[in-house]
Amino acid sequence: MADTPTDEQERHRLRTLHLYNLLDTKAEESLDDLTHLATMIFEAPISLISLVDEHRQWFLSKVGLEVQETPREYAFCAHTILGNEPMMVEDATLDPRFENNPLVQGEYQILCGNTSRS
């Protein structure tokens, strides 16, 4: 992906993330409604609103996934935030960034995703 953020841009993104104080908060019904709606519209088994900090991907809202967070190195979103364009993964088992990812190879067997930069 082009336009990889600079260290300063990443520091700014992380400062902004922490200013919102959303990490480790309780679920909100309005956000859960959105993840349920996304699951229905896209006929997807998993839908997430995730936040990526320095070390982890934390799920602000989730459908179809029991864990509350994953290490940042497992996060598809950690790759998405590196670019300025939407990221489409047709088949995660064939993508070198994700083919050995425990979320792809493990119990969740995530095969494809469509992730937009936020």
PDB file of N, CA and C in Angstrom:
ATOM      1  N   MET A   1       0.838  -1.186   0.000  1.00  0.00           N
ATOM      2  CA  MET A   1       0.000   0.000   0.000  1.00  0.00           C
ATOM      3  C   MET A   1       0.878   1.242   0.000  1.00  0.00           C
ATOM      4  N   ALA A   2       0.433   2.223  -0.672  1.00  0.00           N
ATOM      5  CA  ALA A   2       1.187   3.472  -0.751  1.00  0.00           C
ATOM      6  C   ALA A   2       0.922   4.335   0.472  1.00  0.00           C
ATOM      7  N   ASP A   3       1.756   5.317   0.647  1.00  0.00           N
ATOM      8  CA  ASP A   3       1.567   6.327   1.687  1.00  0.00           C
ATOM      9  C   ASP A   3       1.535   5.742   3.091  1.00  0.00           C
ATOM     10  N   THR A   4       2.500   4.906   3.414  1.00  0.00           N
ATOM     11  CA  THR A   4       2.615   4.379   4.765  1.00  0.00           C
ATOM     12  C   THR A   4       2.801   5.547   5.723  1.00  0.00           C
ATOM     13  N   PRO A   5       2.049   5.571   6.822  1.00  0.00           N
ATOM     14  CA  PRO A   5       2.156   6.706   7.738  1.00  0.00           C
ATOM     15  C   PRO A   5       3.544   6.820   8.357  1.00  0.00           C
ATOM     16  N   THR A   6       3.914   8.025   8.661  1.00  0.00           N
ATOM     17  CA  THR A   6       5.177   8.264   9.347  1.00  0.00           C
ATOM     18  C   THR A   6       5.018   7.914  10.817  1.00  0.00           C
ATOM     19  N   ASP A   7       6.147   7.830  11.512  1.00  0.00           N
ATOM     20  CA  ASP A   7       6.086   7.583  12.954  1.00  0.00           C
ATOM     21  C   ASP A   7       5.270   8.665  13.646  1.00  0.00           C
ATOM     22  N   GLU A   8       5.407   9.900  13.202  1.00  0.00           N
ATOM     23  CA  GLU A   8       4.655  11.005  13.822  1.00  0.00           C
ATOM     24  C   GLU A   8       3.161  10.844  13.574  1.00  0.00           C
ATOM     25  N   GLN A   9       2.763  10.409  12.382  1.00  0.00           N
ATOM     26  CA  GLN A   9       1.338  10.182  12.104  1.00  0.00           C
ATOM     27  C   GLN A   9       0.787   9.070  12.993  1.00  0.00           C
ATOM     28  N   GLU A  10       1.562   8.026  13.181  1.00  0.00           N
ATOM     29  CA  GLU A  10       1.121   6.927  14.045  1.00  0.00           C
ATOM     30  C   GLU A  10       1.036   7.391  15.497  1.00  0.00           C
ATOM     31  N   ARG A  11       1.992   8.178  15.950  1.00  0.00           N
ATOM     32  CA  ARG A  11       1.918   8.720  17.324  1.00  0.00           C
ATOM     33  C   ARG A  11       0.672   9.590  17.480  1.00  0.00           C
ATOM     34  N   HIS A  12       0.371  10.401  16.473  1.00  0.00           N
ATOM     35  CA  HIS A  12      -0.824  11.251  16.513  1.00  0.00           C
ATOM     36  C   HIS A  12      -2.096  10.384  16.544  1.00  0.00           C
ATOM     37  N   ARG A  13      -2.150   9.336  15.715  1.00  0.00           N
ATOM     38  CA  ARG A  13      -3.316   8.437  15.694  1.00  0.00           C
ATOM     39  C   ARG A  13      -3.506   7.795  17.059  1.00  0.00           C
ATOM     40  N   LEU A  14      -2.420   7.334  17.665  1.00  0.00           N
ATOM     41  CA  LEU A  14      -2.513   6.691  18.977  1.00  0.00           C
ATOM     42  C   LEU A  14      -2.917   7.681  20.065  1.00  0.00           C
ATOM     43  N   ARG A  15      -2.360   8.904  20.029  1.00  0.00           N
ATOM     44  CA  ARG A  15      -2.771   9.931  21.009  1.00  0.00           C
ATOM     45  C   ARG A  15      -4.262  10.201  20.886  1.00  0.00           C
ATOM     46  N   THR A  16      -4.737  10.333  19.657  1.00  0.00           N
ATOM     47  CA  THR A  16      -6.158  10.594  19.419  1.00  0.00           C
ATOM     48  C   THR A  16      -7.010   9.432  19.914  1.00  0.00           C
ATOM     49  N   LEU A  17      -6.600   8.214  19.609  1.00  0.00           N
ATOM     50  CA  LEU A  17      -7.320   7.037  20.087  1.00  0.00           C
ATOM     51  C   LEU A  17      -7.454   7.059  21.605  1.00  0.00           C
ATOM     52  N   HIS A  18      -6.373   7.340  22.306  1.00  0.00           N
ATOM     53  CA  HIS A  18      -6.404   7.341  23.771  1.00  0.00           C
ATOM     54  C   HIS A  18      -7.224   8.510  24.332  1.00  0.00           C
ATOM     55  N   LEU A  19      -7.290   9.621  23.614  1.00  0.00           N
ATOM     56  CA  LEU A  19      -8.108  10.759  24.065  1.00  0.00           C
ATOM     57  C   LEU A  19      -9.592  10.410  24.143  1.00  0.00           C
ATOM     58  N   TYR A  20     -10.052   9.526  23.260  1.00  0.00           N
ATOM     59  CA  TYR A  20     -11.467   9.149  23.254  1.00  0.00           C
ATOM     60  C   TYR A  20     -11.855   8.258  24.424  1.00  0.00           C
ATOM     61  N   ASN A  21     -10.886   7.659  25.094  1.00  0.00           N
ATOM     62  CA  ASN A  21     -11.148   6.798  26.255  1.00  0.00           C
ATOM     63  C   ASN A  21     -12.187   5.709  25.976  1.00  0.00           C
ATOM     64  N   LEU A  22     -12.075   5.060  24.829  1.00  0.00           N
ATOM     65  CA  LEU A  22     -13.011   4.001  24.464  1.00  0.00           C
ATOM     66  C   LEU A  22     -12.476   2.606  24.746  1.00  0.00           C
ATOM     67  N   LEU A  23     -11.170   2.482  24.851  1.00  0.00           N
ATOM     68  CA  LEU A  23     -10.594   1.163  25.103  1.00  0.00           C
ATOM     69  C   LEU A  23     -11.083   0.622  26.443  1.00  0.00           C
ATOM     70  N   ASP A  24     -11.459  -0.639  26.441  1.00  0.00           N
ATOM     71  CA  ASP A  24     -11.889  -1.350  27.648  1.00  0.00           C
ATOM     72  C   ASP A  24     -13.171  -0.794  28.262  1.00  0.00           C
ATOM     73  N   THR A  25     -14.023  -0.165  27.454  1.00  0.00           N
ATOM     74  CA  THR A  25     -15.320   0.316  27.937  1.00  0.00           C
ATOM     75  C   THR A  25     -16.375  -0.773  27.733  1.00  0.00           C
ATOM     76  N   LYS A  26     -17.523  -0.574  28.348  1.00  0.00           N
ATOM     77  CA  LYS A  26     -18.633  -1.517  28.202  1.00  0.00           C
ATOM     78  C   LYS A  26     -19.257  -1.372  26.823  1.00  0.00           C
ATOM     79  N   ALA A  27     -19.910  -2.429  26.383  1.00  0.00           N
ATOM     80  CA  ALA A  27     -20.599  -2.422  25.091  1.00  0.00           C
ATOM     81  C   ALA A  27     -21.712  -1.371  25.102  1.00  0.00           C
ATOM     82  N   GLU A  28     -21.923  -0.763  23.938  1.00  0.00           N
ATOM     83  CA  GLU A  28     -23.009   0.200  23.772  1.00  0.00           C
ATOM     84  C   GLU A  28     -24.012  -0.371  22.787  1.00  0.00           C
ATOM     85  N   GLU A  29     -25.282  -0.310  23.154  1.00  0.00           N
ATOM     86  CA  GLU A  29     -26.336  -0.912  22.342  1.00  0.00           C
ATOM     87  C   GLU A  29     -26.340  -0.366  20.916  1.00  0.00           C
ATOM     88  N   SER A  30     -26.120   0.937  20.748  1.00  0.00           N
ATOM     89  CA  SER A  30     -26.158   1.518  19.399  1.00  0.00           C
ATOM     90  C   SER A  30     -25.047   0.950  18.514  1.00  0.00           C
ATOM     91  N   LEU A  31     -23.873   0.712  19.070  1.00  0.00           N
ATOM     92  CA  LEU A  31     -22.786   0.128  18.288  1.00  0.00           C
ATOM     93  C   LEU A  31     -23.039  -1.351  18.028  1.00  0.00           C
ATOM     94  N   ASP A  32     -23.588  -2.036  19.005  1.00  0.00           N
ATOM     95  CA  ASP A  32     -23.933  -3.442  18.805  1.00  0.00           C
ATOM     96  C   ASP A  32     -25.001  -3.580  17.720  1.00  0.00           C
ATOM     97  N   ASP A  33     -25.933  -2.628  17.658  1.00  0.00           N
ATOM     98  CA  ASP A  33     -26.934  -2.634  16.587  1.00  0.00           C
ATOM     99  C   ASP A  33     -26.263  -2.535  15.218  1.00  0.00           C
ATOM    100  N   LEU A  34     -25.218  -1.706  15.120  1.00  0.00           N
ATOM    101  CA  LEU A  34     -24.496  -1.555  13.853  1.00  0.00           C
ATOM    102  C   LEU A  34     -23.781  -2.838  13.449  1.00  0.00           C
ATOM    103  N   THR A  35     -23.136  -3.505  14.391  1.00  0.00           N
ATOM    104  CA  THR A  35     -22.431  -4.740  14.041  1.00  0.00           C
ATOM    105  C   THR A  35     -23.418  -5.843  13.659  1.00  0.00           C
ATOM    106  N   HIS A  36     -24.556  -5.890  14.334  1.00  0.00           N
ATOM    107  CA  HIS A  36     -25.583  -6.877  13.959  1.00  0.00           C
ATOM    108  C   HIS A  36     -26.119  -6.570  12.562  1.00  0.00           C
ATOM    109  N   LEU A  37     -26.354  -5.305  12.262  1.00  0.00           N
ATOM    110  CA  LEU A  37     -26.830  -4.903  10.947  1.00  0.00           C
ATOM    111  C   LEU A  37     -25.806  -5.255   9.864  1.00  0.00           C
ATOM    112  N   ALA A  38     -24.537  -4.983  10.116  1.00  0.00           N
ATOM    113  CA  ALA A  38     -23.487  -5.317   9.144  1.00  0.00           C
ATOM    114  C   ALA A  38     -23.445  -6.819   8.887  1.00  0.00           C
ATOM    115  N   THR A  39     -23.613  -7.607   9.929  1.00  0.00           N
ATOM    116  CA  THR A  39     -23.625  -9.063   9.779  1.00  0.00           C
ATOM    117  C   THR A  39     -24.764  -9.504   8.872  1.00  0.00           C
ATOM    118  N   MET A  40     -25.931  -8.899   9.060  1.00  0.00           N
ATOM    119  CA  MET A  40     -27.086  -9.257   8.234  1.00  0.00           C
ATOM    120  C   MET A  40     -26.920  -8.789   6.791  1.00  0.00           C
ATOM    121  N   ILE A  41     -26.516  -7.541   6.596  1.00  0.00           N
ATOM    122  CA  ILE A  41     -26.387  -6.980   5.250  1.00  0.00           C
ATOM    123  C   ILE A  41     -25.358  -7.750   4.425  1.00  0.00           C
ATOM    124  N   PHE A  42     -24.222  -8.033   5.012  1.00  0.00           N
ATOM    125  CA  PHE A  42     -23.136  -8.684   4.278  1.00  0.00           C
ATOM    126  C   PHE A  42     -23.140 -10.203   4.412  1.00  0.00           C
ATOM    127  N   GLU A  43     -24.134 -10.719   5.122  1.00  0.00           N
ATOM    128  CA  GLU A  43     -24.246 -12.163   5.331  1.00  0.00           C
ATOM    129  C   GLU A  43     -22.911 -12.736   5.806  1.00  0.00           C
ATOM    130  N   ALA A  44     -22.353 -12.060   6.790  1.00  0.00           N
ATOM    131  CA  ALA A  44     -21.037 -12.420   7.323  1.00  0.00           C
ATOM    132  C   ALA A  44     -21.191 -13.045   8.708  1.00  0.00           C
ATOM    133  N   PRO A  45     -20.394 -14.047   9.010  1.00  0.00           N
ATOM    134  CA  PRO A  45     -20.478 -14.660  10.333  1.00  0.00           C
ATOM    135  C   PRO A  45     -19.858 -13.802  11.434  1.00  0.00           C
ATOM    136  N   ILE A  46     -18.968 -12.868  11.053  1.00  0.00           N
ATOM    137  CA  ILE A  46     -18.287 -12.022  12.028  1.00  0.00           C
ATOM    138  C   ILE A  46     -18.371 -10.577  11.576  1.00  0.00           C
ATOM    139  N   SER A  47     -18.687  -9.699  12.519  1.00  0.00           N
ATOM    140  CA  SER A  47     -18.667  -8.262  12.269  1.00  0.00           C
ATOM    141  C   SER A  47     -18.091  -7.596  13.513  1.00  0.00           C
ATOM    142  N   LEU A  48     -17.172  -6.647  13.289  1.00  0.00           N
ATOM    143  CA  LEU A  48     -16.452  -6.042  14.407  1.00  0.00           C
ATOM    144  C   LEU A  48     -16.312  -4.539  14.221  1.00  0.00           C
ATOM    145  N   ILE A  49     -16.330  -3.825  15.322  1.00  0.00           N
ATOM    146  CA  ILE A  49     -15.827  -2.455  15.370  1.00  0.00           C
ATOM    147  C   ILE A  49     -14.600  -2.551  16.253  1.00  0.00           C
ATOM    148  N   SER A  50     -13.438  -2.356  15.639  1.00  0.00           N
ATOM    149  CA  SER A  50     -12.204  -2.585  16.384  1.00  0.00           C
ATOM    150  C   SER A  50     -11.347  -1.333  16.450  1.00  0.00           C
ATOM    151  N   LEU A  51     -10.597  -1.259  17.524  1.00  0.00           N
ATOM    152  CA  LEU A  51      -9.656  -0.166  17.759  1.00  0.00           C
ATOM    153  C   LEU A  51      -8.277  -0.782  17.905  1.00  0.00           C
ATOM    154  N   VAL A  52      -7.294  -0.188  17.242  1.00  0.00           N
ATOM    155  CA  VAL A  52      -5.938  -0.724  17.254  1.00  0.00           C
ATOM    156  C   VAL A  52      -5.048   0.224  18.042  1.00  0.00           C
ATOM    157  N   ASP A  53      -4.520  -0.269  19.169  1.00  0.00           N
ATOM    158  CA  ASP A  53      -3.566   0.549  19.928  1.00  0.00           C
ATOM    159  C   ASP A  53      -2.155   0.022  19.669  1.00  0.00           C
ATOM    160  N   GLU A  54      -1.234   0.336  20.541  1.00  0.00           N
ATOM    161  CA  GLU A  54       0.160  -0.030  20.325  1.00  0.00           C
ATOM    162  C   GLU A  54       0.390  -1.535  20.295  1.00  0.00           C
ATOM    163  N   HIS A  55      -0.410  -2.282  21.061  1.00  0.00           N
ATOM    164  CA  HIS A  55      -0.132  -3.703  21.254  1.00  0.00           C
ATOM    165  C   HIS A  55      -1.273  -4.638  20.890  1.00  0.00           C
ATOM    166  N   ARG A  56      -2.448  -4.112  20.672  1.00  0.00           N
ATOM    167  CA  ARG A  56      -3.593  -5.005  20.489  1.00  0.00           C
ATOM    168  C   ARG A  56      -4.654  -4.385  19.598  1.00  0.00           C
ATOM    169  N   GLN A  57      -5.537  -5.252  19.154  1.00  0.00           N
ATOM    170  CA  GLN A  57      -6.770  -4.861  18.490  1.00  0.00           C
ATOM    171  C   GLN A  57      -7.874  -5.184  19.495  1.00  0.00           C
ATOM    172  N   TRP A  58      -8.600  -4.165  19.910  1.00  0.00           N
ATOM    173  CA  TRP A  58      -9.651  -4.339  20.912  1.00  0.00           C
ATOM    174  C   TRP A  58     -10.994  -4.120  20.249  1.00  0.00           C
ATOM    175  N   PHE A  59     -11.980  -4.956  20.550  1.00  0.00           N
ATOM    176  CA  PHE A  59     -13.270  -4.914  19.886  1.00  0.00           C
ATOM    177  C   PHE A  59     -14.274  -4.107  20.705  1.00  0.00           C
ATOM    178  N   LEU A  60     -14.598  -2.947  20.180  1.00  0.00           N
ATOM    179  CA  LEU A  60     -15.577  -2.059  20.797  1.00  0.00           C
ATOM    180  C   LEU A  60     -16.962  -2.676  20.698  1.00  0.00           C
ATOM    181  N   SER A  61     -17.214  -3.379  19.611  1.00  0.00           N
ATOM    182  CA  SER A  61     -18.460  -4.118  19.418  1.00  0.00           C
ATOM    183  C   SER A  61     -18.148  -5.326  18.556  1.00  0.00           C
ATOM    184  N   LYS A  62     -18.851  -6.431  18.800  1.00  0.00           N
ATOM    185  CA  LYS A  62     -18.530  -7.647  18.057  1.00  0.00           C
ATOM    186  C   LYS A  62     -19.746  -8.557  17.930  1.00  0.00           C
ATOM    187  N   VAL A  63     -19.787  -9.251  16.807  1.00  0.00           N
ATOM    188  CA  VAL A  63     -20.764 -10.305  16.563  1.00  0.00           C
ATOM    189  C   VAL A  63     -19.991 -11.477  15.976  1.00  0.00           C
ATOM    190  N   GLY A  64     -20.201 -12.659  16.503  1.00  0.00           N
ATOM    191  CA  GLY A  64     -19.595 -13.860  15.937  1.00  0.00           C
ATOM    192  C   GLY A  64     -18.188 -14.156  16.385  1.00  0.00           C
ATOM    193  N   LEU A  65     -17.701 -13.445  17.371  1.00  0.00           N
ATOM    194  CA  LEU A  65     -16.346 -13.660  17.884  1.00  0.00           C
ATOM    195  C   LEU A  65     -16.419 -13.540  19.403  1.00  0.00           C
ATOM    196  N   GLU A  66     -15.888 -14.508  20.091  1.00  0.00           N
ATOM    197  CA  GLU A  66     -15.995 -14.508  21.550  1.00  0.00           C
ATOM    198  C   GLU A  66     -14.907 -13.700  22.243  1.00  0.00           C
ATOM    199  N   VAL A  67     -13.729 -13.628  21.643  1.00  0.00           N
ATOM    200  CA  VAL A  67     -12.626 -12.923  22.289  1.00  0.00           C
ATOM    201  C   VAL A  67     -12.864 -11.418  22.255  1.00  0.00           C
ATOM    202  N   GLN A  68     -12.328 -10.706  23.245  1.00  0.00           N
ATOM    203  CA  GLN A  68     -12.498  -9.257  23.333  1.00  0.00           C
ATOM    204  C   GLN A  68     -11.370  -8.495  22.642  1.00  0.00           C
ATOM    205  N   GLU A  69     -10.241  -9.176  22.440  1.00  0.00           N
ATOM    206  CA  GLU A  69      -9.110  -8.518  21.790  1.00  0.00           C
ATOM    207  C   GLU A  69      -8.190  -9.572  21.205  1.00  0.00           C
ATOM    208  N   THR A  70      -7.329  -9.117  20.312  1.00  0.00           N
ATOM    209  CA  THR A  70      -6.283  -9.967  19.758  1.00  0.00           C
ATOM    210  C   THR A  70      -4.991  -9.159  19.755  1.00  0.00           C
ATOM    211  N   PRO A  71      -3.846  -9.823  19.702  1.00  0.00           N
ATOM    212  CA  PRO A  71      -2.597  -9.073  19.570  1.00  0.00           C
ATOM    213  C   PRO A  71      -2.600  -8.269  18.264  1.00  0.00           C
ATOM    214  N   ARG A  72      -1.984  -7.126  18.278  1.00  0.00           N
ATOM    215  CA  ARG A  72      -1.945  -6.267  17.094  1.00  0.00           C
ATOM    216  C   ARG A  72      -1.395  -7.013  15.878  1.00  0.00           C
ATOM    217  N   GLU A  73      -0.413  -7.878  16.087  1.00  0.00           N
ATOM    218  CA  GLU A  73       0.180  -8.566  14.944  1.00  0.00           C
ATOM    219  C   GLU A  73      -0.789  -9.520  14.244  1.00  0.00           C
ATOM    220  N   TYR A  74      -1.914  -9.869  14.864  1.00  0.00           N
ATOM    221  CA  TYR A  74      -2.930 -10.698  14.227  1.00  0.00           C
ATOM    222  C   TYR A  74      -3.966  -9.861  13.477  1.00  0.00           C
ATOM    223  N   ALA A  75      -4.015  -8.581  13.742  1.00  0.00           N
ATOM    224  CA  ALA A  75      -5.107  -7.725  13.284  1.00  0.00           C
ATOM    225  C   ALA A  75      -5.020  -7.374  11.803  1.00  0.00           C
ATOM    226  N   PHE A  76      -6.070  -7.676  11.064  1.00  0.00           N
ATOM    227  CA  PHE A  76      -6.179  -7.203   9.686  1.00  0.00           C
ATOM    228  C   PHE A  76      -6.169  -5.677   9.698  1.00  0.00           C
ATOM    229  N   CYS A  77      -6.801  -5.089  10.691  1.00  0.00           N
ATOM    230  CA  CYS A  77      -6.885  -3.623  10.785  1.00  0.00           C
ATOM    231  C   CYS A  77      -5.514  -2.974  10.955  1.00  0.00           C
ATOM    232  N   ALA A  78      -4.564  -3.682  11.544  1.00  0.00           N
ATOM    233  CA  ALA A  78      -3.219  -3.123  11.692  1.00  0.00           C
ATOM    234  C   ALA A  78      -2.584  -2.898  10.320  1.00  0.00           C
ATOM    235  N   HIS A  79      -2.988  -3.669   9.330  1.00  0.00           N
ATOM    236  CA  HIS A  79      -2.523  -3.472   7.958  1.00  0.00           C
ATOM    237  C   HIS A  79      -3.324  -2.360   7.280  1.00  0.00           C
ATOM    238  N   THR A  80      -4.608  -2.308   7.564  1.00  0.00           N
ATOM    239  CA  THR A  80      -5.481  -1.313   6.951  1.00  0.00           C
ATOM    240  C   THR A  80      -5.049   0.102   7.295  1.00  0.00           C
ATOM    241  N   ILE A  81      -4.662   0.346   8.536  1.00  0.00           N
ATOM    242  CA  ILE A  81      -4.300   1.705   8.952  1.00  0.00           C
ATOM    243  C   ILE A  81      -2.995   2.187   8.335  1.00  0.00           C
ATOM    244  N   LEU A  82      -2.275   1.291   7.652  1.00  0.00           N
ATOM    245  CA  LEU A  82      -1.019   1.683   7.015  1.00  0.00           C
ATOM    246  C   LEU A  82      -1.221   2.383   5.673  1.00  0.00           C
ATOM    247  N   GLY A  83      -2.417   2.298   5.116  1.00  0.00           N
ATOM    248  CA  GLY A  83      -2.661   2.881   3.801  1.00  0.00           C
ATOM    249  C   GLY A  83      -3.777   3.908   3.823  1.00  0.00           C
ATOM    250  N   ASN A  84      -3.989   4.500   2.675  1.00  0.00           N
ATOM    251  CA  ASN A  84      -5.038   5.512   2.528  1.00  0.00           C
ATOM    252  C   ASN A  84      -6.195   5.019   1.676  1.00  0.00           C
ATOM    253  N   GLU A  85      -6.148   3.780   1.259  1.00  0.00           N
ATOM    254  CA  GLU A  85      -7.174   3.203   0.403  1.00  0.00           C
ATOM    255  C   GLU A  85      -7.840   2.034   1.126  1.00  0.00           C
ATOM    256  N   PRO A  86      -9.069   1.690   0.729  1.00  0.00           N
ATOM    257  CA  PRO A  86      -9.685   0.485   1.289  1.00  0.00           C
ATOM    258  C   PRO A  86      -8.810  -0.733   1.004  1.00  0.00           C
ATOM    259  N   MET A  87      -8.858  -1.683   1.900  1.00  0.00           N
ATOM    260  CA  MET A  87      -8.082  -2.907   1.735  1.00  0.00           C
ATOM    261  C   MET A  87      -9.049  -4.052   1.512  1.00  0.00           C
ATOM    262  N   MET A  88      -8.877  -4.776   0.430  1.00  0.00           N
ATOM    263  CA  MET A  88      -9.721  -5.931   0.132  1.00  0.00           C
ATOM    264  C   MET A  88      -8.854  -7.179   0.160  1.00  0.00           C
ATOM    265  N   VAL A  89      -9.277  -8.143   0.940  1.00  0.00           N
ATOM    266  CA  VAL A  89      -8.582  -9.427   1.002  1.00  0.00           C
ATOM    267  C   VAL A  89      -9.551 -10.460   0.444  1.00  0.00           C
ATOM    268  N   GLU A  90      -9.244 -10.941  -0.739  1.00  0.00           N
ATOM    269  CA  GLU A  90     -10.120 -11.913  -1.407  1.00  0.00           C
ATOM    270  C   GLU A  90     -10.099 -13.262  -0.685  1.00  0.00           C
ATOM    271  N   ASP A  91      -8.910 -13.734  -0.359  1.00  0.00           N
ATOM    272  CA  ASP A  91      -8.751 -15.023   0.303  1.00  0.00           C
ATOM    273  C   ASP A  91      -7.548 -14.920   1.238  1.00  0.00           C
ATOM    274  N   ALA A  92      -7.815 -14.851   2.517  1.00  0.00           N
ATOM    275  CA  ALA A  92      -6.749 -14.655   3.501  1.00  0.00           C
ATOM    276  C   ALA A  92      -5.758 -15.810   3.515  1.00  0.00           C
ATOM    277  N   THR A  93      -6.185 -16.991   3.114  1.00  0.00           N
ATOM    278  CA  THR A  93      -5.268 -18.133   3.094  1.00  0.00           C
ATOM    279  C   THR A  93      -4.232 -18.016   1.983  1.00  0.00           C
ATOM    280  N   LEU A  94      -4.488 -17.147   0.998  1.00  0.00           N
ATOM    281  CA  LEU A  94      -3.554 -16.961  -0.117  1.00  0.00           C
ATOM    282  C   LEU A  94      -2.794 -15.643  -0.033  1.00  0.00           C
ATOM    283  N   ASP A  95      -3.118 -14.819   0.955  1.00  0.00           N
ATOM    284  CA  ASP A  95      -2.479 -13.513   1.108  1.00  0.00           C
ATOM    285  C   ASP A  95      -1.268 -13.676   2.027  1.00  0.00           C
ATOM    286  N   PRO A  96      -0.054 -13.329   1.556  1.00  0.00           N
ATOM    287  CA  PRO A  96       1.143 -13.530   2.382  1.00  0.00           C
ATOM    288  C   PRO A  96       1.107 -12.802   3.723  1.00  0.00           C
ATOM    289  N   ARG A  97       0.330 -11.733   3.831  1.00  0.00           N
ATOM    290  CA  ARG A  97       0.224 -11.014   5.103  1.00  0.00           C
ATOM    291  C   ARG A  97      -0.558 -11.812   6.139  1.00  0.00           C
ATOM    292  N   PHE A  98      -1.440 -12.703   5.698  1.00  0.00           N
ATOM    293  CA  PHE A  98      -2.375 -13.353   6.616  1.00  0.00           C
ATOM    294  C   PHE A  98      -2.364 -14.882   6.574  1.00  0.00           C
ATOM    295  N   GLU A  99      -1.679 -15.486   5.607  1.00  0.00           N
ATOM    296  CA  GLU A  99      -1.779 -16.939   5.419  1.00  0.00           C
ATOM    297  C   GLU A  99      -1.382 -17.750   6.648  1.00  0.00           C
ATOM    298  N   ASN A 100      -0.484 -17.220   7.481  1.00  0.00           N
ATOM    299  CA  ASN A 100      -0.085 -17.934   8.699  1.00  0.00           C
ATOM    300  C   ASN A 100      -0.688 -17.338   9.969  1.00  0.00           C
ATOM    301  N   ASN A 101      -1.598 -16.418   9.808  1.00  0.00           N
ATOM    302  CA  ASN A 101      -2.243 -15.743  10.929  1.00  0.00           C
ATOM    303  C   ASN A 101      -3.091 -16.745  11.719  1.00  0.00           C
ATOM    304  N   PRO A 102      -2.968 -16.776  13.042  1.00  0.00           N
ATOM    305  CA  PRO A 102      -3.773 -17.703  13.848  1.00  0.00           C
ATOM    306  C   PRO A 102      -5.286 -17.510  13.677  1.00  0.00           C
ATOM    307  N   LEU A 103      -5.731 -16.310  13.302  1.00  0.00           N
ATOM    308  CA  LEU A 103      -7.163 -16.101  13.064  1.00  0.00           C
ATOM    309  C   LEU A 103      -7.606 -16.743  11.753  1.00  0.00           C
ATOM    310  N   VAL A 104      -6.675 -16.938  10.848  1.00  0.00           N
ATOM    311  CA  VAL A 104      -6.957 -17.585   9.564  1.00  0.00           C
ATOM    312  C   VAL A 104      -6.773 -19.094   9.690  1.00  0.00           C
ATOM    313  N   GLN A 105      -5.683 -19.506  10.320  1.00  0.00           N
ATOM    314  CA  GLN A 105      -5.359 -20.927  10.447  1.00  0.00           C
ATOM    315  C   GLN A 105      -6.005 -21.585  11.667  1.00  0.00           C
ATOM    316  N   GLY A 106      -6.392 -20.790  12.653  1.00  0.00           N
ATOM    317  CA  GLY A 106      -6.930 -21.329  13.900  1.00  0.00           C
ATOM    318  C   GLY A 106      -8.423 -21.587  13.859  1.00  0.00           C
ATOM    319  N   GLU A 107      -9.035 -21.536  15.013  1.00  0.00           N
ATOM    320  CA  GLU A 107     -10.444 -21.920  15.127  1.00  0.00           C
ATOM    321  C   GLU A 107     -11.401 -21.017  14.351  1.00  0.00           C
ATOM    322  N   TYR A 108     -11.038 -19.768  14.099  1.00  0.00           N
ATOM    323  CA  TYR A 108     -11.964 -18.854  13.414  1.00  0.00           C
ATOM    324  C   TYR A 108     -11.932 -18.996  11.908  1.00  0.00           C
ATOM    325  N   GLN A 109     -10.839 -19.449  11.340  1.00  0.00           N
ATOM    326  CA  GLN A 109     -10.681 -19.690   9.913  1.00  0.00           C
ATOM    327  C   GLN A 109     -11.234 -18.548   9.056  1.00  0.00           C
ATOM    328  N   ILE A 110     -10.783 -17.339   9.374  1.00  0.00           N
ATOM    329  CA  ILE A 110     -11.187 -16.177   8.586  1.00  0.00           C
ATOM    330  C   ILE A 110     -10.601 -16.333   7.194  1.00  0.00           C
ATOM    331  N   LEU A 111     -11.457 -16.320   6.192  1.00  0.00           N
ATOM    332  CA  LEU A 111     -11.017 -16.530   4.826  1.00  0.00           C
ATOM    333  C   LEU A 111     -10.937 -15.239   4.028  1.00  0.00           C
ATOM    334  N   CYS A 112     -11.909 -14.378   4.200  1.00  0.00           N
ATOM    335  CA  CYS A 112     -11.905 -13.152   3.412  1.00  0.00           C
ATOM    336  C   CYS A 112     -12.431 -12.009   4.259  1.00  0.00           C
ATOM    337  N   GLY A 113     -12.116 -10.814   3.827  1.00  0.00           N
ATOM    338  CA  GLY A 113     -12.561  -9.627   4.520  1.00  0.00           C
ATOM    339  C   GLY A 113     -12.541  -8.439   3.613  1.00  0.00           C
ATOM    340  N   ASN A 114     -13.297  -7.442   3.951  1.00  0.00           N
ATOM    341  CA  ASN A 114     -13.307  -6.176   3.232  1.00  0.00           C
ATOM    342  C   ASN A 114     -13.206  -5.106   4.298  1.00  0.00           C
ATOM    343  N   THR A 115     -12.061  -4.458   4.376  1.00  0.00           N
ATOM    344  CA  THR A 115     -11.785  -3.534   5.461  1.00  0.00           C
ATOM    345  C   THR A 115     -11.514  -2.158   4.894  1.00  0.00           C
ATOM    346  N   SER A 116     -12.126  -1.138   5.470  1.00  0.00           N
ATOM    347  CA  SER A 116     -11.901   0.233   5.012  1.00  0.00           C
ATOM    348  C   SER A 116     -11.091   0.997   6.038  1.00  0.00           C
ATOM    349  N   ARG A 117     -10.307   1.890   5.573  1.00  0.00           N
ATOM    350  CA  ARG A 117      -9.528   2.733   6.475  1.00  0.00           C
ATOM    351  C   ARG A 117     -10.451   3.740   7.125  1.00  0.00           C
ATOM    352  N   SER A 118     -10.325   3.900   8.425  1.00  0.00           N
ATOM    353  CA  SER A 118     -11.154   4.872   9.133  1.00  0.00           C
ATOM    354  C   SER A 118     -10.320   5.924   9.770  1.00  0.00           C
TER     355      SER A 118
END
